[in-house]
Amino acid sequence: MAKSTAKKSEKPVEELTYEEAMTELESIVDSLEGGQSPLEDAMKLFERGQALVTHCGVLLESAQLKVQKLSGESLEDFEEESE
């Protein structure tokens, strides 16, 4: 099962959307938690997972900057209206 996860996505991390990266990351975590992967495969999965985490962080930061530009200089906490 771990081999299919490692080979599942040949797409470079930088080309993945946030959703694609998160889906692959969840799959990697599931594989690693299972503990059935040989050490070499587990290390490759871990390395890919680290790259995915970094990529997701960059995408989220970029989205935050876009929201800041659209809403003004600083982000404000969302407050629900009470009835």
PDB file of N, CA and C in Angstrom:
ATOM      1  N   MET A   1       0.814  -1.193   0.000  1.00  0.00           N
ATOM      2  CA  MET A   1       0.000   0.000   0.000  1.00  0.00           C
ATOM      3  C   MET A   1       0.862   1.262   0.000  1.00  0.00           C
ATOM      4  N   ALA A   2       1.982   1.235   0.671  1.00  0.00           N
ATOM      5  CA  ALA A   2       2.832   2.416   0.755  1.00  0.00           C
ATOM      6  C   ALA A   2       3.454   2.749  -0.593  1.00  0.00           C
ATOM      7  N   LYS A   3       3.752   1.716  -1.390  1.00  0.00           N
ATOM      8  CA  LYS A   3       4.342   1.976  -2.693  1.00  0.00           C
ATOM      9  C   LYS A   3       3.383   2.756  -3.569  1.00  0.00           C
ATOM     10  N   SER A   4       2.089   2.427  -3.525  1.00  0.00           N
ATOM     11  CA  SER A   4       1.121   3.153  -4.336  1.00  0.00           C
ATOM     12  C   SER A   4       1.012   4.603  -3.884  1.00  0.00           C
ATOM     13  N   THR A   5       1.185   4.861  -2.584  1.00  0.00           N
ATOM     14  CA  THR A   5       1.141   6.232  -2.090  1.00  0.00           C
ATOM     15  C   THR A   5       2.355   7.006  -2.573  1.00  0.00           C
ATOM     16  N   ALA A   6       3.520   6.375  -2.553  1.00  0.00           N
ATOM     17  CA  ALA A   6       4.738   7.054  -2.967  1.00  0.00           C
ATOM     18  C   ALA A   6       4.705   7.350  -4.468  1.00  0.00           C
ATOM     19  N   LYS A   7       4.146   6.463  -5.257  1.00  0.00           N
ATOM     20  CA  LYS A   7       4.108   6.624  -6.701  1.00  0.00           C
ATOM     21  C   LYS A   7       2.816   7.296  -7.155  1.00  0.00           C
ATOM     22  N   LYS A   8       1.892   7.473  -6.274  1.00  0.00           N
ATOM     23  CA  LYS A   8       0.563   7.979  -6.588  1.00  0.00           C
ATOM     24  C   LYS A   8       0.612   9.305  -7.327  1.00  0.00           C
ATOM     25  N   SER A   9       1.461  10.205  -6.884  1.00  0.00           N
ATOM     26  CA  SER A   9       1.527  11.521  -7.483  1.00  0.00           C
ATOM     27  C   SER A   9       2.924  11.785  -8.016  1.00  0.00           C
ATOM     28  N   GLU A  10       3.013  11.805  -9.320  1.00  0.00           N
ATOM     29  CA  GLU A  10       4.288  12.117  -9.951  1.00  0.00           C
ATOM     30  C   GLU A  10       4.406  13.621 -10.151  1.00  0.00           C
ATOM     31  N   LYS A  11       3.342  14.341  -9.905  1.00  0.00           N
ATOM     32  CA  LYS A  11       3.312  15.782 -10.097  1.00  0.00           C
ATOM     33  C   LYS A  11       4.235  16.458  -9.085  1.00  0.00           C
ATOM     34  N   PRO A  12       5.055  17.400  -9.544  1.00  0.00           N
ATOM     35  CA  PRO A  12       5.916  18.125  -8.604  1.00  0.00           C
ATOM     36  C   PRO A  12       5.082  18.862  -7.549  1.00  0.00           C
ATOM     37  N   VAL A  13       5.586  18.904  -6.323  1.00  0.00           N
ATOM     38  CA  VAL A  13       4.869  19.519  -5.211  1.00  0.00           C
ATOM     39  C   VAL A  13       4.457  20.946  -5.553  1.00  0.00           C
ATOM     40  N   GLU A  14       5.328  21.700  -6.203  1.00  0.00           N
ATOM     41  CA  GLU A  14       5.069  23.106  -6.502  1.00  0.00           C
ATOM     42  C   GLU A  14       3.889  23.304  -7.449  1.00  0.00           C
ATOM     43  N   GLU A  15       3.502  22.265  -8.184  1.00  0.00           N
ATOM     44  CA  GLU A  15       2.398  22.372  -9.132  1.00  0.00           C
ATOM     45  C   GLU A  15       1.059  21.970  -8.526  1.00  0.00           C
ATOM     46  N   LEU A  16       1.065  21.464  -7.299  1.00  0.00           N
ATOM     47  CA  LEU A  16      -0.166  21.006  -6.668  1.00  0.00           C
ATOM     48  C   LEU A  16      -0.970  22.175  -6.112  1.00  0.00           C
ATOM     49  N   THR A  17      -2.286  22.058  -6.196  1.00  0.00           N
ATOM     50  CA  THR A  17      -3.142  23.019  -5.515  1.00  0.00           C
ATOM     51  C   THR A  17      -3.104  22.691  -4.029  1.00  0.00           C
ATOM     52  N   TYR A  18      -3.627  23.606  -3.229  1.00  0.00           N
ATOM     53  CA  TYR A  18      -3.679  23.367  -1.782  1.00  0.00           C
ATOM     54  C   TYR A  18      -4.453  22.083  -1.484  1.00  0.00           C
ATOM     55  N   GLU A  19      -5.595  21.925  -2.140  1.00  0.00           N
ATOM     56  CA  GLU A  19      -6.445  20.758  -1.892  1.00  0.00           C
ATOM     57  C   GLU A  19      -5.750  19.459  -2.288  1.00  0.00           C
ATOM     58  N   GLU A  20      -5.065  19.466  -3.432  1.00  0.00           N
ATOM     59  CA  GLU A  20      -4.332  18.273  -3.869  1.00  0.00           C
ATOM     60  C   GLU A  20      -3.214  17.939  -2.880  1.00  0.00           C
ATOM     61  N   ALA A  21      -2.498  18.962  -2.445  1.00  0.00           N
ATOM     62  CA  ALA A  21      -1.395  18.743  -1.498  1.00  0.00           C
ATOM     63  C   ALA A  21      -1.911  18.190  -0.175  1.00  0.00           C
ATOM     64  N   MET A  22      -3.011  18.735   0.317  1.00  0.00           N
ATOM     65  CA  MET A  22      -3.565  18.252   1.589  1.00  0.00           C
ATOM     66  C   MET A  22      -4.057  16.809   1.472  1.00  0.00           C
ATOM     67  N   THR A  23      -4.689  16.479   0.360  1.00  0.00           N
ATOM     68  CA  THR A  23      -5.163  15.107   0.151  1.00  0.00           C
ATOM     69  C   THR A  23      -3.994  14.129   0.130  1.00  0.00           C
ATOM     70  N   GLU A  24      -2.936  14.506  -0.582  1.00  0.00           N
ATOM     71  CA  GLU A  24      -1.755  13.634  -0.635  1.00  0.00           C
ATOM     72  C   GLU A  24      -1.093  13.540   0.735  1.00  0.00           C
ATOM     73  N   LEU A  25      -1.029  14.655   1.439  1.00  0.00           N
ATOM     74  CA  LEU A  25      -0.427  14.663   2.775  1.00  0.00           C
ATOM     75  C   LEU A  25      -1.201  13.744   3.724  1.00  0.00           C
ATOM     76  N   GLU A  26      -2.526  13.798   3.677  1.00  0.00           N
ATOM     77  CA  GLU A  26      -3.343  12.916   4.520  1.00  0.00           C
ATOM     78  C   GLU A  26      -3.076  11.449   4.186  1.00  0.00           C
ATOM     79  N   SER A  27      -2.914  11.148   2.911  1.00  0.00           N
ATOM     80  CA  SER A  27      -2.618   9.781   2.487  1.00  0.00           C
ATOM     81  C   SER A  27      -1.252   9.328   3.010  1.00  0.00           C
ATOM     82  N   ILE A  28      -0.286  10.229   2.960  1.00  0.00           N
ATOM     83  CA  ILE A  28       1.061   9.916   3.462  1.00  0.00           C
ATOM     84  C   ILE A  28       1.020   9.665   4.967  1.00  0.00           C
ATOM     85  N   VAL A  29       0.315  10.509   5.685  1.00  0.00           N
ATOM     86  CA  VAL A  29       0.203  10.335   7.142  1.00  0.00           C
ATOM     87  C   VAL A  29      -0.427   8.988   7.459  1.00  0.00           C
ATOM     88  N   ASP A  30      -1.489   8.625   6.744  1.00  0.00           N
ATOM     89  CA  ASP A  30      -2.134   7.327   6.959  1.00  0.00           C
ATOM     90  C   ASP A  30      -1.152   6.182   6.726  1.00  0.00           C
ATOM     91  N   SER A  31      -0.372   6.292   5.666  1.00  0.00           N
ATOM     92  CA  SER A  31       0.603   5.235   5.353  1.00  0.00           C
ATOM     93  C   SER A  31       1.674   5.127   6.436  1.00  0.00           C
ATOM     94  N   LEU A  32       2.166   6.283   6.880  1.00  0.00           N
ATOM     95  CA  LEU A  32       3.214   6.268   7.900  1.00  0.00           C
ATOM     96  C   LEU A  32       2.687   5.784   9.253  1.00  0.00           C
ATOM     97  N   GLU A  33       1.452   6.150   9.570  1.00  0.00           N
ATOM     98  CA  GLU A  33       0.876   5.702  10.845  1.00  0.00           C
ATOM     99  C   GLU A  33       0.653   4.199  10.858  1.00  0.00           C
ATOM    100  N   GLY A  34       0.441   3.613   9.676  1.00  0.00           N
ATOM    101  CA  GLY A  34       0.230   2.170   9.593  1.00  0.00           C
ATOM    102  C   GLY A  34       1.464   1.387   9.972  1.00  0.00           C
ATOM    103  N   GLY A  35       2.637   1.985   9.796  1.00  0.00           N
ATOM    104  CA  GLY A  35       3.884   1.333  10.181  1.00  0.00           C
ATOM    105  C   GLY A  35       4.263   0.141   9.336  1.00  0.00           C
ATOM    106  N   GLN A  36       3.643  -0.026   8.172  1.00  0.00           N
ATOM    107  CA  GLN A  36       3.913  -1.193   7.348  1.00  0.00           C
ATOM    108  C   GLN A  36       4.945  -0.934   6.260  1.00  0.00           C
ATOM    109  N   SER A  37       5.360   0.318   6.105  1.00  0.00           N
ATOM    110  CA  SER A  37       6.314   0.670   5.045  1.00  0.00           C
ATOM    111  C   SER A  37       7.738   0.309   5.462  1.00  0.00           C
ATOM    112  N   PRO A  38       8.520  -0.202   4.507  1.00  0.00           N
ATOM    113  CA  PRO A  38       9.947  -0.389   4.787  1.00  0.00           C
ATOM    114  C   PRO A  38      10.571   0.971   5.082  1.00  0.00           C
ATOM    115  N   LEU A  39      11.659   0.977   5.812  1.00  0.00           N
ATOM    116  CA  LEU A  39      12.283   2.229   6.248  1.00  0.00           C
ATOM    117  C   LEU A  39      12.586   3.168   5.074  1.00  0.00           C
ATOM    118  N   GLU A  40      13.140   2.645   4.003  1.00  0.00           N
ATOM    119  CA  GLU A  40      13.490   3.492   2.855  1.00  0.00           C
ATOM    120  C   GLU A  40      12.244   4.157   2.263  1.00  0.00           C
ATOM    121  N   ASP A  41      11.160   3.405   2.116  1.00  0.00           N
ATOM    122  CA  ASP A  41       9.907   3.973   1.600  1.00  0.00           C
ATOM    123  C   ASP A  41       9.331   4.994   2.575  1.00  0.00           C
ATOM    124  N   ALA A  42       9.404   4.681   3.862  1.00  0.00           N
ATOM    125  CA  ALA A  42       8.887   5.604   4.876  1.00  0.00           C
ATOM    126  C   ALA A  42       9.653   6.924   4.854  1.00  0.00           C
ATOM    127  N   MET A  43      10.950   6.860   4.649  1.00  0.00           N
ATOM    128  CA  MET A  43      11.758   8.082   4.580  1.00  0.00           C
ATOM    129  C   MET A  43      11.383   8.919   3.360  1.00  0.00           C
ATOM    130  N   LYS A  44      11.140   8.269   2.220  1.00  0.00           N
ATOM    131  CA  LYS A  44      10.721   8.988   1.017  1.00  0.00           C
ATOM    132  C   LYS A  44       9.354   9.634   1.231  1.00  0.00           C
ATOM    133  N   LEU A  45       8.453   8.899   1.860  1.00  0.00           N
ATOM    134  CA  LEU A  45       7.128   9.458   2.156  1.00  0.00           C
ATOM    135  C   LEU A  45       7.238  10.647   3.102  1.00  0.00           C
ATOM    136  N   PHE A  46       8.087  10.508   4.111  1.00  0.00           N
ATOM    137  CA  PHE A  46       8.282  11.597   5.078  1.00  0.00           C
ATOM    138  C   PHE A  46       8.832  12.843   4.380  1.00  0.00           C
ATOM    139  N   GLU A  47       9.821  12.648   3.513  1.00  0.00           N
ATOM    140  CA  GLU A  47      10.405  13.780   2.779  1.00  0.00           C
ATOM    141  C   GLU A  47       9.355  14.467   1.906  1.00  0.00           C
ATOM    142  N   ARG A  48       8.556  13.677   1.212  1.00  0.00           N
ATOM    143  CA  ARG A  48       7.484  14.243   0.370  1.00  0.00           C
ATOM    144  C   ARG A  48       6.478  14.981   1.252  1.00  0.00           C
ATOM    145  N   GLY A  49       6.161  14.392   2.393  1.00  0.00           N
ATOM    146  CA  GLY A  49       5.228  15.030   3.325  1.00  0.00           C
ATOM    147  C   GLY A  49       5.741  16.368   3.822  1.00  0.00           C
ATOM    148  N   GLN A  50       7.031  16.437   4.132  1.00  0.00           N
ATOM    149  CA  GLN A  50       7.629  17.700   4.573  1.00  0.00           C
ATOM    150  C   GLN A  50       7.527  18.759   3.477  1.00  0.00           C
ATOM    151  N   ALA A  51       7.783  18.358   2.246  1.00  0.00           N
ATOM    152  CA  ALA A  51       7.675  19.287   1.115  1.00  0.00           C
ATOM    153  C   ALA A  51       6.229  19.752   0.940  1.00  0.00           C
ATOM    154  N   LEU A  52       5.287  18.847   1.134  1.00  0.00           N
ATOM    155  CA  LEU A  52       3.869  19.206   1.019  1.00  0.00           C
ATOM    156  C   LEU A  52       3.450  20.195   2.109  1.00  0.00           C
ATOM    157  N   VAL A  53       3.918  19.972   3.325  1.00  0.00           N
ATOM    158  CA  VAL A  53       3.607  20.883   4.434  1.00  0.00           C
ATOM    159  C   VAL A  53       4.145  22.281   4.133  1.00  0.00           C
ATOM    160  N   THR A  54       5.377  22.344   3.653  1.00  0.00           N
ATOM    161  CA  THR A  54       5.977  23.630   3.310  1.00  0.00           C
ATOM    162  C   THR A  54       5.179  24.316   2.203  1.00  0.00           C
ATOM    163  N   HIS A  55       4.812  23.562   1.188  1.00  0.00           N
ATOM    164  CA  HIS A  55       4.050  24.108   0.061  1.00  0.00           C
ATOM    165  C   HIS A  55       2.687  24.628   0.529  1.00  0.00           C
ATOM    166  N   CYS A  56       2.010  23.869   1.374  1.00  0.00           N
ATOM    167  CA  CYS A  56       0.713  24.308   1.894  1.00  0.00           C
ATOM    168  C   CYS A  56       0.865  25.607   2.693  1.00  0.00           C
ATOM    169  N   GLY A  57       1.924  25.708   3.479  1.00  0.00           N
ATOM    170  CA  GLY A  57       2.180  26.922   4.248  1.00  0.00           C
ATOM    171  C   GLY A  57       2.369  28.130   3.344  1.00  0.00           C
ATOM    172  N   VAL A  58       3.105  27.935   2.254  1.00  0.00           N
ATOM    173  CA  VAL A  58       3.327  29.023   1.295  1.00  0.00           C
ATOM    174  C   VAL A  58       2.007  29.443   0.652  1.00  0.00           C
ATOM    175  N   LEU A  59       1.197  28.464   0.273  1.00  0.00           N
ATOM    176  CA  LEU A  59      -0.087  28.780  -0.353  1.00  0.00           C
ATOM    177  C   LEU A  59      -1.015  29.514   0.608  1.00  0.00           C
ATOM    178  N   LEU A  60      -1.025  29.092   1.872  1.00  0.00           N
ATOM    179  CA  LEU A  60      -1.868  29.766   2.862  1.00  0.00           C
ATOM    180  C   LEU A  60      -1.383  31.191   3.122  1.00  0.00           C
ATOM    181  N   GLU A  61      -0.088  31.372   3.191  1.00  0.00           N
ATOM    182  CA  GLU A  61       0.467  32.708   3.408  1.00  0.00           C
ATOM    183  C   GLU A  61       0.117  33.618   2.235  1.00  0.00           C
ATOM    184  N   SER A  62       0.206  33.083   1.033  1.00  0.00           N
ATOM    185  CA  SER A  62      -0.141  33.843  -0.159  1.00  0.00           C
ATOM    186  C   SER A  62      -1.619  34.244  -0.137  1.00  0.00           C
ATOM    187  N   ALA A  63      -2.468  33.313   0.259  1.00  0.00           N
ATOM    188  CA  ALA A  63      -3.901  33.607   0.343  1.00  0.00           C
ATOM    189  C   ALA A  63      -4.163  34.683   1.387  1.00  0.00           C
ATOM    190  N   GLN A  64      -3.471  34.618   2.512  1.00  0.00           N
ATOM    191  CA  GLN A  64      -3.640  35.616   3.567  1.00  0.00           C
ATOM    192  C   GLN A  64      -3.230  36.998   3.061  1.00  0.00           C
ATOM    193  N   LEU A  65      -2.128  37.071   2.318  1.00  0.00           N
ATOM    194  CA  LEU A  65      -1.685  38.351   1.771  1.00  0.00           C
ATOM    195  C   LEU A  65      -2.704  38.922   0.793  1.00  0.00           C
ATOM    196  N   LYS A  66      -3.313  38.053  -0.016  1.00  0.00           N
ATOM    197  CA  LYS A  66      -4.340  38.517  -0.953  1.00  0.00           C
ATOM    198  C   LYS A  66      -5.544  39.065  -0.197  1.00  0.00           C
ATOM    199  N   VAL A  67      -5.948  38.367   0.865  1.00  0.00           N
ATOM    200  CA  VAL A  67      -7.085  38.827   1.668  1.00  0.00           C
ATOM    201  C   VAL A  67      -6.753  40.168   2.315  1.00  0.00           C
ATOM    202  N   GLN A  68      -5.536  40.311   2.801  1.00  0.00           N
ATOM    203  CA  GLN A  68      -5.114  41.584   3.397  1.00  0.00           C
ATOM    204  C   GLN A  68      -5.197  42.713   2.384  1.00  0.00           C
ATOM    205  N   LYS A  69      -4.744  42.477   1.179  1.00  0.00           N
ATOM    206  CA  LYS A  69      -4.793  43.510   0.146  1.00  0.00           C
ATOM    207  C   LYS A  69      -6.236  43.889  -0.170  1.00  0.00           C
ATOM    208  N   LEU A  70      -7.106  42.901  -0.186  1.00  0.00           N
ATOM    209  CA  LEU A  70      -8.502  43.163  -0.519  1.00  0.00           C
ATOM    210  C   LEU A  70      -9.258  43.851   0.608  1.00  0.00           C
ATOM    211  N   SER A  71      -8.871  43.573   1.852  1.00  0.00           N
ATOM    212  CA  SER A  71      -9.622  44.099   2.981  1.00  0.00           C
ATOM    213  C   SER A  71      -8.968  45.298   3.650  1.00  0.00           C
ATOM    214  N   GLY A  72      -7.807  45.665   3.237  1.00  0.00           N
ATOM    215  CA  GLY A  72      -7.118  46.792   3.852  1.00  0.00           C
ATOM    216  C   GLY A  72      -5.788  46.349   4.424  1.00  0.00           C
ATOM    217  N   GLU A  73      -5.213  47.211   5.230  1.00  0.00           N
ATOM    218  CA  GLU A  73      -3.879  46.971   5.765  1.00  0.00           C
ATOM    219  C   GLU A  73      -3.784  45.806   6.735  1.00  0.00           C
ATOM    220  N   SER A  74      -4.786  45.615   7.586  1.00  0.00           N
ATOM    221  CA  SER A  74      -4.686  44.555   8.583  1.00  0.00           C
ATOM    222  C   SER A  74      -5.927  43.682   8.567  1.00  0.00           C
ATOM    223  N   LEU A  75      -5.715  42.429   8.912  1.00  0.00           N
ATOM    224  CA  LEU A  75      -6.839  41.511   9.021  1.00  0.00           C
ATOM    225  C   LEU A  75      -7.512  41.707  10.367  1.00  0.00           C
ATOM    226  N   GLU A  76      -8.816  41.616  10.358  1.00  0.00           N
ATOM    227  CA  GLU A  76      -9.553  41.746  11.603  1.00  0.00           C
ATOM    228  C   GLU A  76     -10.225  40.426  11.914  1.00  0.00           C
ATOM    229  N   ASP A  77     -10.359  40.138  13.207  1.00  0.00           N
ATOM    230  CA  ASP A  77     -11.019  38.910  13.616  1.00  0.00           C
ATOM    231  C   ASP A  77     -12.475  38.943  13.192  1.00  0.00           C
ATOM    232  N   PHE A  78     -12.967  37.795  12.793  1.00  0.00           N
ATOM    233  CA  PHE A  78     -14.359  37.664  12.409  1.00  0.00           C
ATOM    234  C   PHE A  78     -15.199  37.570  13.678  1.00  0.00           C
ATOM    235  N   GLU A  79     -16.213  38.393  13.754  1.00  0.00           N
ATOM    236  CA  GLU A  79     -17.091  38.352  14.911  1.00  0.00           C
ATOM    237  C   GLU A  79     -18.505  38.046  14.434  1.00  0.00           C
ATOM    238  N   GLU A  80     -19.091  37.006  15.017  1.00  0.00           N
ATOM    239  CA  GLU A  80     -20.460  36.664  14.667  1.00  0.00           C
ATOM    240  C   GLU A  80     -21.410  37.640  15.319  1.00  0.00           C
ATOM    241  N   GLU A  81     -22.447  37.990  14.559  1.00  0.00           N
ATOM    242  CA  GLU A  81     -23.446  38.892  15.130  1.00  0.00           C
ATOM    243  C   GLU A  81     -24.320  38.110  16.079  1.00  0.00           C
ATOM    244  N   SER A  82     -24.530  38.664  17.269  1.00  0.00           N
ATOM    245  CA  SER A  82     -25.414  37.997  18.216  1.00  0.00           C
ATOM    246  C   SER A  82     -26.820  38.556  18.049  1.00  0.00           C
ATOM    247  N   GLU A  83     -27.790  37.680  18.222  1.00  0.00           N
ATOM    248  CA  GLU A  83     -29.181  38.107  18.035  1.00  0.00           C
ATOM    249  C   GLU A  83     -29.793  38.579  19.313  1.00  0.00           C
TER     250      GLU A  83
END
